[in-house]
Amino acid sequence: MKKLLIGCLGLVAALVLAIGVVVMVIPGDYESERSLVVAASPDEVFAVVSDLHTWPDWTVWGREMDPDCVWSYNDKVGVGARTDWKGPILGGGYIVTTEVIDGSRFGYDLGFLDDQGAVEVESKGFFELAPAGEDTLVRWGMYGEMEGLNKLFGLLIDSAVGPEFEQGLANLNARFEAAE
């Protein structure tokens, strides 16, 4: 019995050591990116993606996912524009505009908050737009860095967020197709 207990403790110690080595070795940076040709001009698309007021209507993380979520906005337009949200499904978070290059690039910081309102995860995000005939090639991406055990979650970011970006881009495209 004593040998079995010592063997189990040794196995647990080896597992903890292995996880520690993996966490030290794997990179902390992560990224996810998707693109879609949207049936509108770059200026039309830019007007929507750069207006944080529109995001609850076309992103996956909006009114459809969390109808009881409340969004608030500051008075700024362009760099420094901010939205905060709090909802029973989406939790709390914020987006702050960090870069605006009219018609071609929109950058933002994204933060998710824990139950006490402290920043739990921060990412950088962007939209890059390029003409594609009469339409627009839209690239939507995010990137960041995680530390410690969170690095393990960073390995899953693309498989979790990528499909949500794809759906958001499809919703964005549908918004323009419905307007035709």
Protein backbone atom coordinates (compact mmCIF):
# COMPACT_ATOMS: atom_id res chain seq x y z
CA MET A 1 0.00 0.00 0.00
CA LYS A 2 2.83 2.35 0.93
CA LYS A 3 4.56 1.67 -2.42
CA LEU A 4 1.34 2.44 -4.28
CA LEU A 5 0.95 5.75 -2.44
CA ILE A 6 4.57 6.71 -3.11
CA GLY A 7 4.14 5.72 -6.76
CA CYS A 8 0.99 7.89 -7.07
CA LEU A 9 2.71 10.86 -5.44
CA GLY A 10 5.65 10.42 -7.78
CA LEU A 11 3.30 10.35 -10.76
CA VAL A 12 1.54 13.53 -9.60
CA ALA A 13 4.91 15.26 -9.06
CA ALA A 14 6.07 14.20 -12.54
CA LEU A 15 2.83 15.50 -14.06
CA VAL A 16 3.16 18.85 -12.30
CA LEU A 17 6.78 19.10 -13.42
CA ALA A 18 5.82 18.23 -17.02
CA ILE A 19 3.09 20.89 -17.08
CA GLY A 20 5.56 23.42 -15.67
CA VAL A 21 8.09 22.61 -18.39
CA VAL A 22 5.43 22.84 -21.11
CA VAL A 23 4.24 26.22 -19.79
CA MET A 24 7.83 27.51 -19.75
CA VAL A 25 8.51 26.31 -23.30
CA ILE A 26 5.33 27.24 -25.19
CA PRO A 27 5.07 30.79 -26.48
CA GLY A 28 2.72 33.17 -24.71
CA ASP A 29 1.65 35.04 -27.82
CA TYR A 30 -1.54 34.18 -29.68
CA GLU A 31 -3.40 35.40 -32.73
CA SER A 32 -6.49 34.75 -34.74
CA GLU A 33 -7.47 36.21 -38.09
CA ARG A 34 -10.20 35.71 -40.66
CA SER A 35 -11.15 37.49 -43.88
CA LEU A 36 -14.13 37.82 -46.18
CA VAL A 37 -15.05 39.82 -49.25
CA VAL A 38 -17.94 42.07 -48.22
CA ALA A 39 -20.46 43.44 -50.72
CA ALA A 40 -19.80 47.15 -50.07
CA SER A 41 -17.14 49.78 -50.66
CA PRO A 42 -14.24 50.20 -48.21
CA ASP A 43 -15.71 53.51 -47.02
CA GLU A 44 -19.11 51.91 -46.34
CA VAL A 45 -17.56 48.98 -44.45
CA PHE A 46 -15.22 51.26 -42.53
CA ALA A 47 -18.14 53.43 -41.40
CA VAL A 48 -19.70 50.36 -39.75
CA VAL A 49 -16.66 48.62 -38.23
CA SER A 50 -15.26 51.88 -36.84
CA ASP A 51 -18.56 52.81 -35.15
CA LEU A 52 -18.62 50.87 -31.88
CA HIS A 53 -22.35 51.59 -31.57
CA THR A 54 -22.98 49.12 -34.43
CA TRP A 55 -21.02 46.19 -32.98
CA PRO A 56 -23.86 44.70 -30.86
CA ASP A 57 -25.89 44.42 -34.08
CA TRP A 58 -23.47 42.42 -36.25
CA THR A 59 -20.78 40.80 -34.10
CA VAL A 60 -21.45 37.41 -32.56
CA TRP A 61 -20.98 38.95 -29.12
CA GLY A 62 -24.03 41.16 -29.33
CA ARG A 63 -27.73 41.49 -28.70
CA GLU A 64 -28.51 38.09 -30.20
CA MET A 65 -26.16 36.27 -27.78
CA ASP A 66 -27.00 38.37 -24.72
CA PRO A 67 -30.27 40.34 -25.07
CA ASP A 68 -29.96 41.60 -21.48
CA CYS A 69 -26.46 43.03 -21.97
CA VAL A 70 -26.08 46.78 -21.50
CA TRP A 71 -23.62 48.75 -23.62
CA SER A 72 -22.41 52.25 -22.79
CA TYR A 73 -20.33 54.62 -24.91
CA ASN A 74 -18.18 57.67 -24.30
CA ASP A 75 -18.55 60.86 -26.35
CA LYS A 76 -15.42 60.40 -28.46
CA VAL A 77 -15.22 59.55 -32.15
CA GLY A 78 -12.07 57.98 -33.60
CA VAL A 79 -9.07 57.25 -31.38
CA GLY A 80 -10.25 57.10 -27.78
CA ALA A 81 -13.83 56.07 -28.59
CA ARG A 82 -14.89 53.48 -26.04
CA THR A 83 -17.69 51.07 -25.33
CA ASP A 84 -18.19 49.13 -22.14
CA TRP A 85 -20.60 46.26 -21.67
CA LYS A 86 -22.01 44.17 -18.87
CA GLY A 87 -24.35 41.25 -19.32
CA PRO A 88 -25.34 37.94 -17.78
CA ILE A 89 -23.89 35.94 -20.69
CA LEU A 90 -21.16 38.21 -22.11
CA GLY A 91 -19.92 39.32 -18.71
CA GLY A 92 -18.06 42.62 -18.54
CA GLY A 93 -15.59 44.18 -20.91
CA TYR A 94 -14.56 47.11 -23.04
CA ILE A 95 -13.27 48.15 -26.45
CA VAL A 96 -11.16 51.29 -26.96
CA THR A 97 -10.30 52.59 -30.43
CA THR A 98 -6.51 52.91 -30.80
CA GLU A 99 -6.00 53.47 -34.53
CA VAL A 100 -8.05 54.97 -37.33
CA ILE A 101 -6.82 55.14 -40.91
CA ASP A 102 -9.90 56.16 -42.86
CA GLY A 103 -11.15 53.50 -45.22
CA SER A 104 -8.32 51.06 -44.60
CA ARG A 105 -7.51 50.22 -40.96
CA PHE A 106 -9.23 50.31 -37.59
CA GLY A 107 -7.40 49.16 -34.45
CA TYR A 108 -8.69 48.59 -30.94
CA ASP A 109 -7.88 47.27 -27.48
CA LEU A 110 -10.26 44.67 -26.09
CA GLY A 111 -10.53 43.76 -22.43
CA PHE A 112 -12.59 41.21 -20.56
CA LEU A 113 -13.27 41.83 -16.89
CA ASP A 114 -13.69 39.42 -14.00
CA ASP A 115 -16.62 39.63 -11.56
CA GLN A 116 -14.82 42.29 -9.50
CA GLY A 117 -14.22 44.49 -12.58
CA ALA A 118 -10.49 43.76 -12.88
CA VAL A 119 -9.03 43.12 -16.32
CA GLU A 120 -8.81 39.37 -16.84
CA VAL A 121 -7.69 39.21 -20.49
CA GLU A 122 -6.53 41.95 -22.86
CA SER A 123 -6.07 41.70 -26.61
CA LYS A 124 -5.36 43.96 -29.54
CA GLY A 125 -7.67 43.79 -32.53
CA PHE A 126 -7.87 45.25 -36.00
CA PHE A 127 -9.80 45.48 -39.22
CA GLU A 128 -7.89 45.98 -42.46
CA LEU A 129 -9.86 46.84 -45.58
CA ALA A 130 -8.78 46.64 -49.21
CA PRO A 131 -10.72 47.19 -52.42
CA ALA A 132 -11.80 43.98 -54.17
CA GLY A 133 -13.44 45.22 -57.35
CA GLU A 134 -16.63 46.95 -56.23
CA ASP A 135 -16.47 45.09 -52.91
CA THR A 136 -14.07 45.07 -49.96
CA LEU A 137 -11.71 42.44 -48.63
CA VAL A 138 -12.08 42.67 -44.84
CA ARG A 139 -9.42 41.15 -42.57
CA TRP A 140 -10.41 40.91 -38.90
CA GLY A 141 -7.79 39.85 -36.42
CA MET A 142 -6.69 39.90 -32.84
CA TYR A 143 -3.48 39.13 -31.02
CA GLY A 144 -2.02 39.28 -27.56
CA GLU A 145 0.08 37.51 -25.01
CA MET A 146 -0.74 35.30 -22.07
CA GLU A 147 1.40 34.40 -19.10
CA GLY A 148 1.72 31.41 -16.82
CA LEU A 149 -0.88 28.68 -17.10
CA ASN A 150 -3.01 30.96 -19.31
CA LYS A 151 -0.53 30.16 -22.11
CA LEU A 152 -2.30 26.82 -22.41
CA PHE A 153 -5.54 28.66 -23.24
CA GLY A 154 -3.66 30.77 -25.78
CA LEU A 155 -3.11 27.61 -27.80
CA LEU A 156 -6.90 27.36 -28.26
CA ILE A 157 -7.66 31.00 -29.12
CA ASP A 158 -7.77 30.58 -32.89
CA SER A 159 -10.08 27.56 -32.75
CA ALA A 160 -12.40 29.41 -30.35
CA VAL A 161 -12.38 32.94 -31.75
CA GLY A 162 -11.82 32.20 -35.45
CA PRO A 163 -15.32 30.80 -36.08
CA GLU A 164 -16.82 33.75 -34.20
CA PHE A 165 -14.90 36.14 -36.47
CA GLU A 166 -16.19 34.21 -39.48
CA GLN A 167 -19.79 34.55 -38.27
CA GLY A 168 -19.30 38.25 -37.48
CA LEU A 169 -17.92 38.89 -40.98
CA ALA A 170 -20.85 36.97 -42.50
CA ASN A 171 -23.25 39.10 -40.42
CA LEU A 172 -21.45 42.24 -41.58
CA ASN A 173 -21.76 41.14 -45.20
CA ALA A 174 -25.46 40.28 -44.73
CA ARG A 175 -26.02 43.80 -43.37
CA PHE A 176 -24.82 45.26 -46.68
CA GLU A 177 -26.52 42.69 -48.87
CA ALA A 178 -29.85 43.45 -47.14
CA ALA A 179 -29.38 47.16 -47.90
CA GLU A 180 -29.12 46.53 -51.66
